[in-house]
Amino acid sequence: MTYGEFFKPIELADRDIFKNFLIHDHPGISECSFTNLFVWKRRYNPLWTVQEECLLLVCLPGDEEPFALPPVGTGDRVEGVYLLMEAMADLGASPRICRVPESFISAYLDHERFFWSLDRDNSDYIYFTRDLIELSGNRLHKKKNHLNHFMRHNVFEYRPMDLEMIECVLDMQEEWCQVRECIESNELVSEDYAIRQALTHFEELNLEGGVIVMGGKVEAFSLGELLTSDTAVIHFEKANPSIPGLYAAINQLFCSHAWPLTTYINREQDLGKEGLRRAKESYRPHHMLHKFTVLPLT
């Protein structure tokens, strides 16, 4: 039997197994969240197994090369790396581990056996929570102005996400997809599926959410969860782009209501998209959580 045969698709019932591994050895990257893996399974087709006291994950997306994620657990992580490389070969893919944080490389890998390169497009943006709530100082002056403009010129209500609001958010997402013709884009279809999975399983995934209601209609929403003991991660954030300052408002209000006790907010990666990169950089991240692609030296 080969190692590749041990892997199986991720299911909702697996959540507690993942939680037990991640609570003791979380690499900090946004991909290592059961929610992220579960809701994006249509896009990335994640498979998992437990070997050598490590949680091992591989992704088999249909439109790009398969890859593994760094091993998680209290077992032998270096052995976990070799098992992942072997499993990738068993699955007919080139052996590579992606989204590997610097901390993992410095602790477990060396240049004599592995080569690694920076994956800037998938590096996470990490912000001080207080910065996103207070928007103080010259660095965030423009963001504070956008927020103040919205507050002065609109009648709105912020509400925490609950089962009643979920139906309204689903309506907003459906309208958003109709306007942007999601059906014509595999990327938008995958995102729509992921958002619907997150909303449909909101309670089981232990997510937090917030919405802005204007004129009886949801015009913005945000979804996230606690990633580590001091860091929350924002998985999805959408707002009506025709309402000035609405994105600034949902960002600030969600952070202040849902995450005031955290130290950091992880707003995930920019995927190399120029507009998204400008938007994330404009909030002046405290630091980037850089990730690398690791290959074995032959």
C-alpha atoms as a PDB file:
ATOM      1  CA  MET A   1       0.000   0.000   0.000  1.00  0.00           C
ATOM      2  CA  THR A   2       1.283   3.480  -0.874  1.00  0.00           C
ATOM      3  CA  TYR A   3       0.968   6.590   1.277  1.00  0.00           C
ATOM      4  CA  GLY A   4      -1.285   8.217  -1.308  1.00  0.00           C
ATOM      5  CA  GLU A   5      -3.943   5.592  -0.595  1.00  0.00           C
ATOM      6  CA  PHE A   6      -4.335   6.778   3.006  1.00  0.00           C
ATOM      7  CA  PHE A   7      -5.767  10.166   2.025  1.00  0.00           C
ATOM      8  CA  LYS A   8      -9.492  10.898   2.044  1.00  0.00           C
ATOM      9  CA  PRO A   9     -11.745  13.868   1.208  1.00  0.00           C
ATOM     10  CA  ILE A  10     -12.545  16.398   3.926  1.00  0.00           C
ATOM     11  CA  GLU A  11     -16.009  16.240   5.479  1.00  0.00           C
ATOM     12  CA  LEU A  12     -17.807  18.349   8.081  1.00  0.00           C
ATOM     13  CA  ALA A  13     -17.556  15.470  10.554  1.00  0.00           C
ATOM     14  CA  ASP A  14     -13.744  15.819  10.482  1.00  0.00           C
ATOM     15  CA  ARG A  15     -13.792  19.242  12.151  1.00  0.00           C
ATOM     16  CA  ASP A  16     -12.906  18.066  15.662  1.00  0.00           C
ATOM     17  CA  ILE A  17      -9.928  16.046  14.395  1.00  0.00           C
ATOM     18  CA  PHE A  18      -8.531  19.119  12.641  1.00  0.00           C
ATOM     19  CA  LYS A  19      -9.266  21.296  15.662  1.00  0.00           C
ATOM     20  CA  ASN A  20      -7.277  19.002  17.957  1.00  0.00           C
ATOM     21  CA  PHE A  21      -4.223  19.220  15.712  1.00  0.00           C
ATOM     22  CA  LEU A  22      -4.438  22.944  14.999  1.00  0.00           C
ATOM     23  CA  ILE A  23      -4.995  24.002  18.603  1.00  0.00           C
ATOM     24  CA  HIS A  24      -1.617  22.497  19.551  1.00  0.00           C
ATOM     25  CA  ASP A  25       0.422  23.340  16.447  1.00  0.00           C
ATOM     26  CA  HIS A  26      -1.078  26.060  14.275  1.00  0.00           C
ATOM     27  CA  PRO A  27       1.327  27.387  11.624  1.00  0.00           C
ATOM     28  CA  GLY A  28      -0.543  30.707  11.543  1.00  0.00           C
ATOM     29  CA  ILE A  29      -1.308  30.653   7.818  1.00  0.00           C
ATOM     30  CA  SER A  30      -4.873  31.310   6.710  1.00  0.00           C
ATOM     31  CA  GLU A  31      -5.040  28.064   4.693  1.00  0.00           C
ATOM     32  CA  CYS A  32      -4.682  25.993   7.879  1.00  0.00           C
ATOM     33  CA  SER A  33      -8.241  26.477   9.001  1.00  0.00           C
ATOM     34  CA  PHE A  34     -10.805  23.710   8.822  1.00  0.00           C
ATOM     35  CA  THR A  35     -13.291  26.291   7.576  1.00  0.00           C
ATOM     36  CA  ASN A  36     -11.071  27.382   4.697  1.00  0.00           C
ATOM     37  CA  LEU A  37     -10.364  23.817   3.623  1.00  0.00           C
ATOM     38  CA  PHE A  38     -14.009  22.777   3.927  1.00  0.00           C
ATOM     39  CA  VAL A  39     -15.710  25.693   2.179  1.00  0.00           C
ATOM     40  CA  TRP A  40     -13.160  25.784  -0.684  1.00  0.00           C
ATOM     41  CA  LYS A  41     -13.211  22.017  -1.264  1.00  0.00           C
ATOM     42  CA  ARG A  42     -14.866  22.409  -4.659  1.00  0.00           C
ATOM     43  CA  ARG A  43     -11.939  24.590  -5.774  1.00  0.00           C
ATOM     44  CA  TYR A  44      -9.001  22.777  -4.144  1.00  0.00           C
ATOM     45  CA  ASN A  45     -10.267  19.230  -3.497  1.00  0.00           C
ATOM     46  CA  PRO A  46      -8.325  18.825  -0.216  1.00  0.00           C
ATOM     47  CA  LEU A  47      -7.445  15.330   1.004  1.00  0.00           C
ATOM     48  CA  TRP A  48      -6.097  14.448   4.431  1.00  0.00           C
ATOM     49  CA  THR A  49      -4.675  11.723   6.594  1.00  0.00           C
ATOM     50  CA  VAL A  50      -2.904  11.319   9.941  1.00  0.00           C
ATOM     51  CA  GLN A  51       0.543   9.727   9.915  1.00  0.00           C
ATOM     52  CA  GLU A  52       3.375   9.852  12.452  1.00  0.00           C
ATOM     53  CA  GLU A  53       1.198  12.026  14.754  1.00  0.00           C
ATOM     54  CA  CYS A  54       0.963  14.685  12.037  1.00  0.00           C
ATOM     55  CA  LEU A  55      -2.018  15.934  10.068  1.00  0.00           C
ATOM     56  CA  LEU A  56      -1.046  15.705   6.390  1.00  0.00           C
ATOM     57  CA  LEU A  57      -2.931  17.618   3.698  1.00  0.00           C
ATOM     58  CA  VAL A  58      -2.757  17.594  -0.083  1.00  0.00           C
ATOM     59  CA  CYS A  59      -4.830  19.629  -2.544  1.00  0.00           C
ATOM     60  CA  LEU A  60      -5.775  18.422  -6.017  1.00  0.00           C
ATOM     61  CA  PRO A  61      -7.282  21.458  -7.780  1.00  0.00           C
ATOM     62  CA  GLY A  62      -8.513  20.839 -11.288  1.00  0.00           C
ATOM     63  CA  ASP A  63      -6.945  23.895 -12.908  1.00  0.00           C
ATOM     64  CA  GLU A  64      -3.453  23.909 -11.384  1.00  0.00           C
ATOM     65  CA  GLU A  65      -0.720  21.553 -10.242  1.00  0.00           C
ATOM     66  CA  PRO A  66      -1.460  19.546  -7.068  1.00  0.00           C
ATOM     67  CA  PHE A  67       0.342  20.608  -3.920  1.00  0.00           C
ATOM     68  CA  ALA A  68       0.690  19.696  -0.260  1.00  0.00           C
ATOM     69  CA  LEU A  69       0.373  21.945   2.778  1.00  0.00           C
ATOM     70  CA  PRO A  70       2.936  21.893   5.611  1.00  0.00           C
ATOM     71  CA  PRO A  71       2.418  19.071   8.137  1.00  0.00           C
ATOM     72  CA  VAL A  72       0.697  19.991  11.396  1.00  0.00           C
ATOM     73  CA  GLY A  73       1.069  18.228  14.707  1.00  0.00           C
ATOM     74  CA  THR A  74       3.330  17.333  17.585  1.00  0.00           C
ATOM     75  CA  GLY A  75       4.979  14.454  15.744  1.00  0.00           C
ATOM     76  CA  ASP A  76       8.074  14.440  13.526  1.00  0.00           C
ATOM     77  CA  ARG A  77       7.406  17.295  11.078  1.00  0.00           C
ATOM     78  CA  VAL A  78      10.487  16.492   8.989  1.00  0.00           C
ATOM     79  CA  GLU A  79       9.249  12.930   8.542  1.00  0.00           C
ATOM     80  CA  GLY A  80       5.864  14.463   7.724  1.00  0.00           C
ATOM     81  CA  VAL A  81       7.488  16.446   4.914  1.00  0.00           C
ATOM     82  CA  TYR A  82       9.003  13.275   3.431  1.00  0.00           C
ATOM     83  CA  LEU A  83       5.705  11.429   3.736  1.00  0.00           C
ATOM     84  CA  LEU A  84       3.964  14.271   1.894  1.00  0.00           C
ATOM     85  CA  MET A  85       6.575  14.202  -0.867  1.00  0.00           C
ATOM     86  CA  GLU A  86       6.079  10.441  -1.225  1.00  0.00           C
ATOM     87  CA  ALA A  87       2.305  10.792  -1.178  1.00  0.00           C
ATOM     88  CA  MET A  88       2.447  13.430  -3.929  1.00  0.00           C
ATOM     89  CA  ALA A  89       4.413  11.017  -6.099  1.00  0.00           C
ATOM     90  CA  ASP A  90       1.906   8.239  -5.294  1.00  0.00           C
ATOM     91  CA  LEU A  91      -0.883  10.553  -6.445  1.00  0.00           C
ATOM     92  CA  GLY A  92       0.929  11.180  -9.737  1.00  0.00           C
ATOM     93  CA  ALA A  93       1.992  14.743  -8.900  1.00  0.00           C
ATOM     94  CA  SER A  94       5.315  16.512  -8.614  1.00  0.00           C
ATOM     95  CA  PRO A  95       6.462  16.600  -4.964  1.00  0.00           C
ATOM     96  CA  ARG A  96       6.038  20.117  -3.610  1.00  0.00           C
ATOM     97  CA  ILE A  97       4.723  21.690  -0.422  1.00  0.00           C
ATOM     98  CA  CYS A  98       3.158  25.127  -0.758  1.00  0.00           C
ATOM     99  CA  ARG A  99       2.107  27.920   1.632  1.00  0.00           C
ATOM    100  CA  VAL A 100       4.971  27.033   3.981  1.00  0.00           C
ATOM    101  CA  PRO A 101       5.611  29.804   6.556  1.00  0.00           C
ATOM    102  CA  GLU A 102       9.111  31.046   7.348  1.00  0.00           C
ATOM    103  CA  SER A 103       8.858  29.721  10.906  1.00  0.00           C
ATOM    104  CA  PHE A 104       8.393  26.155   9.645  1.00  0.00           C
ATOM    105  CA  ILE A 105      11.342  26.415   7.270  1.00  0.00           C
ATOM    106  CA  SER A 106      13.698  27.788   9.916  1.00  0.00           C
ATOM    107  CA  ALA A 107      12.664  25.093  12.394  1.00  0.00           C
ATOM    108  CA  TYR A 108      12.597  21.963  10.229  1.00  0.00           C
ATOM    109  CA  LEU A 109      14.202  22.376   6.781  1.00  0.00           C
ATOM    110  CA  ASP A 110      17.725  22.881   5.506  1.00  0.00           C
ATOM    111  CA  HIS A 111      19.329  23.875   2.198  1.00  0.00           C
ATOM    112  CA  GLU A 112      21.102  20.543   1.813  1.00  0.00           C
ATOM    113  CA  ARG A 113      17.865  18.663   1.269  1.00  0.00           C
ATOM    114  CA  PHE A 114      15.288  21.240   0.152  1.00  0.00           C
ATOM    115  CA  PHE A 115      14.915  24.306  -2.042  1.00  0.00           C
ATOM    116  CA  TRP A 116      12.328  26.982  -1.309  1.00  0.00           C
ATOM    117  CA  SER A 117      11.116  30.143  -3.025  1.00  0.00           C
ATOM    118  CA  LEU A 118       8.907  32.997  -1.853  1.00  0.00           C
ATOM    119  CA  ASP A 119       5.234  32.876  -2.852  1.00  0.00           C
ATOM    120  CA  ARG A 120       4.376  36.562  -2.459  1.00  0.00           C
ATOM    121  CA  ASP A 121       0.922  36.245  -4.018  1.00  0.00           C
ATOM    122  CA  ASN A 122      -0.188  33.881  -1.241  1.00  0.00           C
ATOM    123  CA  SER A 123       1.489  35.609   1.709  1.00  0.00           C
ATOM    124  CA  ASP A 124      -0.976  36.752   4.377  1.00  0.00           C
ATOM    125  CA  TYR A 125      -1.555  40.365   5.445  1.00  0.00           C
ATOM    126  CA  ILE A 126      -1.448  40.723   9.239  1.00  0.00           C
ATOM    127  CA  TYR A 127      -2.802  43.872  10.930  1.00  0.00           C
ATOM    128  CA  PHE A 128      -2.945  45.131  14.489  1.00  0.00           C
ATOM    129  CA  THR A 129      -6.588  44.811  15.519  1.00  0.00           C
ATOM    130  CA  ARG A 130      -6.445  48.202  17.240  1.00  0.00           C
ATOM    131  CA  ASP A 131      -5.276  49.824  14.006  1.00  0.00           C
ATOM    132  CA  LEU A 132      -8.285  48.485  12.087  1.00  0.00           C
ATOM    133  CA  ILE A 133     -10.674  49.596  14.833  1.00  0.00           C
ATOM    134  CA  GLU A 134      -9.267  53.036  15.612  1.00  0.00           C
ATOM    135  CA  LEU A 135      -7.873  54.015  12.174  1.00  0.00           C
ATOM    136  CA  SER A 136      -5.721  56.566  13.968  1.00  0.00           C
ATOM    137  CA  GLY A 137      -2.644  58.435  12.761  1.00  0.00           C
ATOM    138  CA  ASN A 138      -1.568  59.783   9.396  1.00  0.00           C
ATOM    139  CA  ARG A 139      -1.086  56.321   7.922  1.00  0.00           C
ATOM    140  CA  LEU A 140      -4.813  55.559   8.089  1.00  0.00           C
ATOM    141  CA  HIS A 141      -6.140  59.107   7.776  1.00  0.00           C
ATOM    142  CA  LYS A 142      -7.815  58.448   4.407  1.00  0.00           C
ATOM    143  CA  LYS A 143      -9.531  55.325   5.730  1.00  0.00           C
ATOM    144  CA  LYS A 144     -10.849  57.267   8.716  1.00  0.00           C
ATOM    145  CA  ASN A 145     -12.198  59.935   6.356  1.00  0.00           C
ATOM    146  CA  HIS A 146     -13.985  57.297   4.269  1.00  0.00           C
ATOM    147  CA  LEU A 147     -15.525  55.831   7.391  1.00  0.00           C
ATOM    148  CA  ASN A 148     -16.608  59.232   8.727  1.00  0.00           C
ATOM    149  CA  HIS A 149     -18.151  60.152   5.378  1.00  0.00           C
ATOM    150  CA  PHE A 150     -20.205  56.975   5.424  1.00  0.00           C
ATOM    151  CA  MET A 151     -21.305  57.509   9.037  1.00  0.00           C
ATOM    152  CA  ARG A 152     -22.413  61.098   8.387  1.00  0.00           C
ATOM    153  CA  HIS A 153     -24.293  60.549   5.159  1.00  0.00           C
ATOM    154  CA  ASN A 154     -26.104  57.251   5.672  1.00  0.00           C
ATOM    155  CA  VAL A 155     -28.765  55.706   7.853  1.00  0.00           C
ATOM    156  CA  PHE A 156     -27.674  52.163   8.639  1.00  0.00           C
ATOM    157  CA  GLU A 157     -27.645  49.423  11.265  1.00  0.00           C
ATOM    158  CA  TYR A 158     -24.827  47.033  12.073  1.00  0.00           C
ATOM    159  CA  ARG A 159     -25.998  43.583  13.167  1.00  0.00           C
ATOM    160  CA  PRO A 160     -24.099  40.468  14.215  1.00  0.00           C
ATOM    161  CA  MET A 161     -24.696  37.552  11.874  1.00  0.00           C
ATOM    162  CA  ASP A 162     -27.424  35.163  12.994  1.00  0.00           C
ATOM    163  CA  LEU A 163     -29.638  32.590  11.302  1.00  0.00           C
ATOM    164  CA  GLU A 164     -32.181  35.259  10.314  1.00  0.00           C
ATOM    165  CA  MET A 165     -29.490  37.422   8.730  1.00  0.00           C
ATOM    166  CA  ILE A 166     -27.968  34.492   6.848  1.00  0.00           C
ATOM    167  CA  GLU A 167     -30.972  34.302   4.524  1.00  0.00           C
ATOM    168  CA  CYS A 168     -30.592  38.011   3.754  1.00  0.00           C
ATOM    169  CA  VAL A 169     -26.867  37.600   3.092  1.00  0.00           C
ATOM    170  CA  LEU A 170     -27.591  34.701   0.736  1.00  0.00           C
ATOM    171  CA  ASP A 171     -29.976  36.997  -1.155  1.00  0.00           C
ATOM    172  CA  MET A 172     -27.239  39.649  -1.396  1.00  0.00           C
ATOM    173  CA  GLN A 173     -24.726  37.074  -2.633  1.00  0.00           C
ATOM    174  CA  GLU A 174     -27.162  35.820  -5.282  1.00  0.00           C
ATOM    175  CA  GLU A 175     -27.778  39.364  -6.501  1.00  0.00           C
ATOM    176  CA  TRP A 176     -24.024  40.061  -6.503  1.00  0.00           C
ATOM    177  CA  CYS A 177     -23.438  36.976  -8.666  1.00  0.00           C
ATOM    178  CA  GLN A 178     -26.188  37.894 -11.102  1.00  0.00           C
ATOM    179  CA  VAL A 179     -24.750  41.374 -11.638  1.00  0.00           C
ATOM    180  CA  ARG A 180     -21.213  40.044 -12.154  1.00  0.00           C
ATOM    181  CA  GLU A 181     -22.316  36.983 -14.153  1.00  0.00           C
ATOM    182  CA  CYS A 182     -20.520  34.557 -11.854  1.00  0.00           C
ATOM    183  CA  ILE A 183     -21.582  31.643 -14.018  1.00  0.00           C
ATOM    184  CA  GLU A 184     -19.139  32.832 -16.696  1.00  0.00           C
ATOM    185  CA  SER A 185     -16.127  32.616 -14.352  1.00  0.00           C
ATOM    186  CA  ASN A 186     -14.828  29.445 -12.696  1.00  0.00           C
ATOM    187  CA  GLU A 187     -13.166  31.603 -10.052  1.00  0.00           C
ATOM    188  CA  LEU A 188     -16.405  33.397  -9.136  1.00  0.00           C
ATOM    189  CA  VAL A 189     -18.383  30.145  -9.205  1.00  0.00           C
ATOM    190  CA  SER A 190     -15.901  28.643  -6.735  1.00  0.00           C
ATOM    191  CA  GLU A 191     -16.115  31.718  -4.503  1.00  0.00           C
ATOM    192  CA  ASP A 192     -19.914  31.641  -4.590  1.00  0.00           C
ATOM    193  CA  TYR A 193     -19.861  27.979  -3.574  1.00  0.00           C
ATOM    194  CA  ALA A 194     -17.429  28.719  -0.728  1.00  0.00           C
ATOM    195  CA  ILE A 195     -19.538  31.592   0.622  1.00  0.00           C
ATOM    196  CA  ARG A 196     -22.697  29.498   0.465  1.00  0.00           C
ATOM    197  CA  GLN A 197     -20.977  26.641   2.283  1.00  0.00           C
ATOM    198  CA  ALA A 198     -19.787  29.032   4.992  1.00  0.00           C
ATOM    199  CA  LEU A 199     -23.261  30.511   5.439  1.00  0.00           C
ATOM    200  CA  THR A 200     -25.099  27.187   5.267  1.00  0.00           C
ATOM    201  CA  HIS A 201     -22.811  25.690   7.931  1.00  0.00           C
ATOM    202  CA  PHE A 202     -22.319  28.924   9.877  1.00  0.00           C
ATOM    203  CA  GLU A 203     -23.041  27.440  13.302  1.00  0.00           C
ATOM    204  CA  GLU A 204     -21.262  24.097  12.781  1.00  0.00           C
ATOM    205  CA  LEU A 205     -18.112  25.933  11.665  1.00  0.00           C
ATOM    206  CA  ASN A 206     -18.292  28.256  14.678  1.00  0.00           C
ATOM    207  CA  LEU A 207     -17.990  31.357  12.493  1.00  0.00           C
ATOM    208  CA  GLU A 208     -18.535  34.988  13.408  1.00  0.00           C
ATOM    209  CA  GLY A 209     -20.187  37.425  11.051  1.00  0.00           C
ATOM    210  CA  GLY A 210     -21.512  40.928  10.751  1.00  0.00           C
ATOM    211  CA  VAL A 211     -23.788  42.769   8.347  1.00  0.00           C
ATOM    212  CA  ILE A 212     -24.701  46.357   7.545  1.00  0.00           C
ATOM    213  CA  VAL A 213     -28.390  46.847   6.827  1.00  0.00           C
ATOM    214  CA  MET A 214     -29.611  49.898   4.911  1.00  0.00           C
ATOM    215  CA  GLY A 215     -33.233  50.450   3.968  1.00  0.00           C
ATOM    216  CA  GLY A 216     -34.154  46.977   5.167  1.00  0.00           C
ATOM    217  CA  LYS A 217     -31.562  45.332   2.907  1.00  0.00           C
ATOM    218  CA  VAL A 218     -28.158  43.815   3.623  1.00  0.00           C
ATOM    219  CA  GLU A 219     -25.599  45.930   1.755  1.00  0.00           C
ATOM    220  CA  ALA A 220     -22.392  44.545   3.297  1.00  0.00           C
ATOM    221  CA  PHE A 221     -21.232  41.490   5.201  1.00  0.00           C
ATOM    222  CA  SER A 222     -18.089  39.974   6.660  1.00  0.00           C
ATOM    223  CA  LEU A 223     -17.311  36.440   7.842  1.00  0.00           C
ATOM    224  CA  GLY A 224     -14.390  35.226   9.929  1.00  0.00           C
ATOM    225  CA  GLU A 225     -13.222  33.089  12.812  1.00  0.00           C
ATOM    226  CA  LEU A 226     -10.577  32.837  15.491  1.00  0.00           C
ATOM    227  CA  LEU A 227      -7.505  31.376  13.791  1.00  0.00           C
ATOM    228  CA  THR A 228      -5.154  31.193  16.772  1.00  0.00           C
ATOM    229  CA  SER A 229      -5.365  32.349  20.396  1.00  0.00           C
ATOM    230  CA  ASP A 230      -4.494  35.957  19.470  1.00  0.00           C
ATOM    231  CA  THR A 231      -5.438  36.207  15.775  1.00  0.00           C
ATOM    232  CA  ALA A 232      -8.746  36.324  13.904  1.00  0.00           C
ATOM    233  CA  VAL A 233      -8.960  35.643  10.181  1.00  0.00           C
ATOM    234  CA  ILE A 234     -11.402  37.328   7.793  1.00  0.00           C
ATOM    235  CA  HIS A 235     -12.548  34.820   5.196  1.00  0.00           C
ATOM    236  CA  PHE A 236     -15.057  36.894   3.227  1.00  0.00           C
ATOM    237  CA  GLU A 237     -15.971  40.567   3.039  1.00  0.00           C
ATOM    238  CA  LYS A 238     -18.364  42.095   0.522  1.00  0.00           C
ATOM    239  CA  ALA A 239     -20.077  45.450   0.205  1.00  0.00           C
ATOM    240  CA  ASN A 240     -22.136  47.351  -2.345  1.00  0.00           C
ATOM    241  CA  PRO A 241     -19.406  49.252  -4.256  1.00  0.00           C
ATOM    242  CA  SER A 242     -21.818  52.037  -5.217  1.00  0.00           C
ATOM    243  CA  ILE A 243     -22.063  53.206  -1.581  1.00  0.00           C
ATOM    244  CA  PRO A 244     -18.989  55.318  -0.689  1.00  0.00           C
ATOM    245  CA  GLY A 245     -17.212  54.242   2.469  1.00  0.00           C
ATOM    246  CA  LEU A 246     -19.222  51.037   2.910  1.00  0.00           C
ATOM    247  CA  TYR A 247     -16.180  48.767   2.683  1.00  0.00           C
ATOM    248  CA  ALA A 248     -14.396  50.866   5.298  1.00  0.00           C
ATOM    249  CA  ALA A 249     -17.478  50.655   7.508  1.00  0.00           C
ATOM    250  CA  ILE A 250     -17.943  46.875   7.415  1.00  0.00           C
ATOM    251  CA  ASN A 251     -14.226  46.395   8.021  1.00  0.00           C
ATOM    252  CA  GLN A 252     -14.136  48.684  11.065  1.00  0.00           C
ATOM    253  CA  LEU A 253     -17.479  47.642  12.546  1.00  0.00           C
ATOM    254  CA  PHE A 254     -16.858  43.910  12.226  1.00  0.00           C
ATOM    255  CA  CYS A 255     -13.431  44.193  13.843  1.00  0.00           C
ATOM    256  CA  SER A 256     -14.703  46.371  16.685  1.00  0.00           C
ATOM    257  CA  HIS A 257     -17.746  44.189  17.435  1.00  0.00           C
ATOM    258  CA  ALA A 258     -16.379  40.685  16.824  1.00  0.00           C
ATOM    259  CA  TRP A 259     -12.646  40.855  17.521  1.00  0.00           C
ATOM    260  CA  PRO A 260     -11.790  43.590  20.088  1.00  0.00           C
ATOM    261  CA  LEU A 261      -9.969  41.080  22.316  1.00  0.00           C
ATOM    262  CA  THR A 262      -7.607  39.816  19.606  1.00  0.00           C
ATOM    263  CA  THR A 263      -4.146  41.230  18.932  1.00  0.00           C
ATOM    264  CA  TYR A 264      -4.047  40.651  15.191  1.00  0.00           C
ATOM    265  CA  ILE A 265      -6.330  40.317  12.188  1.00  0.00           C
ATOM    266  CA  ASN A 266      -5.261  38.099   9.293  1.00  0.00           C
ATOM    267  CA  ARG A 267      -6.908  39.328   6.092  1.00  0.00           C
ATOM    268  CA  GLU A 268      -5.487  36.530   3.961  1.00  0.00           C
ATOM    269  CA  GLN A 269      -3.638  36.955   0.669  1.00  0.00           C
ATOM    270  CA  ASP A 270      -4.014  39.119  -2.450  1.00  0.00           C
ATOM    271  CA  LEU A 271      -3.509  36.266  -4.982  1.00  0.00           C
ATOM    272  CA  GLY A 272      -1.376  38.581  -7.104  1.00  0.00           C
ATOM    273  CA  LYS A 273      -4.379  40.714  -8.080  1.00  0.00           C
ATOM    274  CA  GLU A 274      -3.260  44.325  -8.425  1.00  0.00           C
ATOM    275  CA  GLY A 275      -6.467  45.924  -7.142  1.00  0.00           C
ATOM    276  CA  LEU A 276      -6.704  43.592  -4.177  1.00  0.00           C
ATOM    277  CA  ARG A 277      -3.039  44.176  -3.331  1.00  0.00           C
ATOM    278  CA  ARG A 278      -3.528  47.952  -3.335  1.00  0.00           C
ATOM    279  CA  ALA A 279      -6.588  47.614  -1.112  1.00  0.00           C
ATOM    280  CA  LYS A 280      -4.829  45.398   1.434  1.00  0.00           C
ATOM    281  CA  GLU A 281      -1.664  47.517   1.453  1.00  0.00           C
ATOM    282  CA  SER A 282      -3.729  50.673   1.953  1.00  0.00           C
ATOM    283  CA  TYR A 283      -4.641  49.468   5.454  1.00  0.00           C
ATOM    284  CA  ARG A 284      -0.936  49.393   6.346  1.00  0.00           C
ATOM    285  CA  PRO A 285      -0.355  45.823   7.581  1.00  0.00           C
ATOM    286  CA  HIS A 286       1.755  45.342  10.683  1.00  0.00           C
ATOM    287  CA  HIS A 287       3.649  42.613   8.823  1.00  0.00           C
ATOM    288  CA  MET A 288       3.366  40.047   6.085  1.00  0.00           C
ATOM    289  CA  LEU A 289       3.237  36.369   6.949  1.00  0.00           C
ATOM    290  CA  HIS A 290       5.402  35.217   4.074  1.00  0.00           C
ATOM    291  CA  LYS A 291       4.885  31.766   2.604  1.00  0.00           C
ATOM    292  CA  PHE A 292       7.176  29.652   0.480  1.00  0.00           C
ATOM    293  CA  THR A 293       7.011  26.766  -1.963  1.00  0.00           C
ATOM    294  CA  VAL A 294       9.309  23.896  -0.919  1.00  0.00           C
ATOM    295  CA  LEU A 295      10.805  21.379  -3.339  1.00  0.00           C
ATOM    296  CA  PRO A 296      13.150  18.452  -2.654  1.00  0.00           C
ATOM    297  CA  LEU A 297      16.679  18.711  -3.989  1.00  0.00           C
ATOM    298  CA  THR A 298      17.339  15.882  -6.414  1.00  0.00           C
END
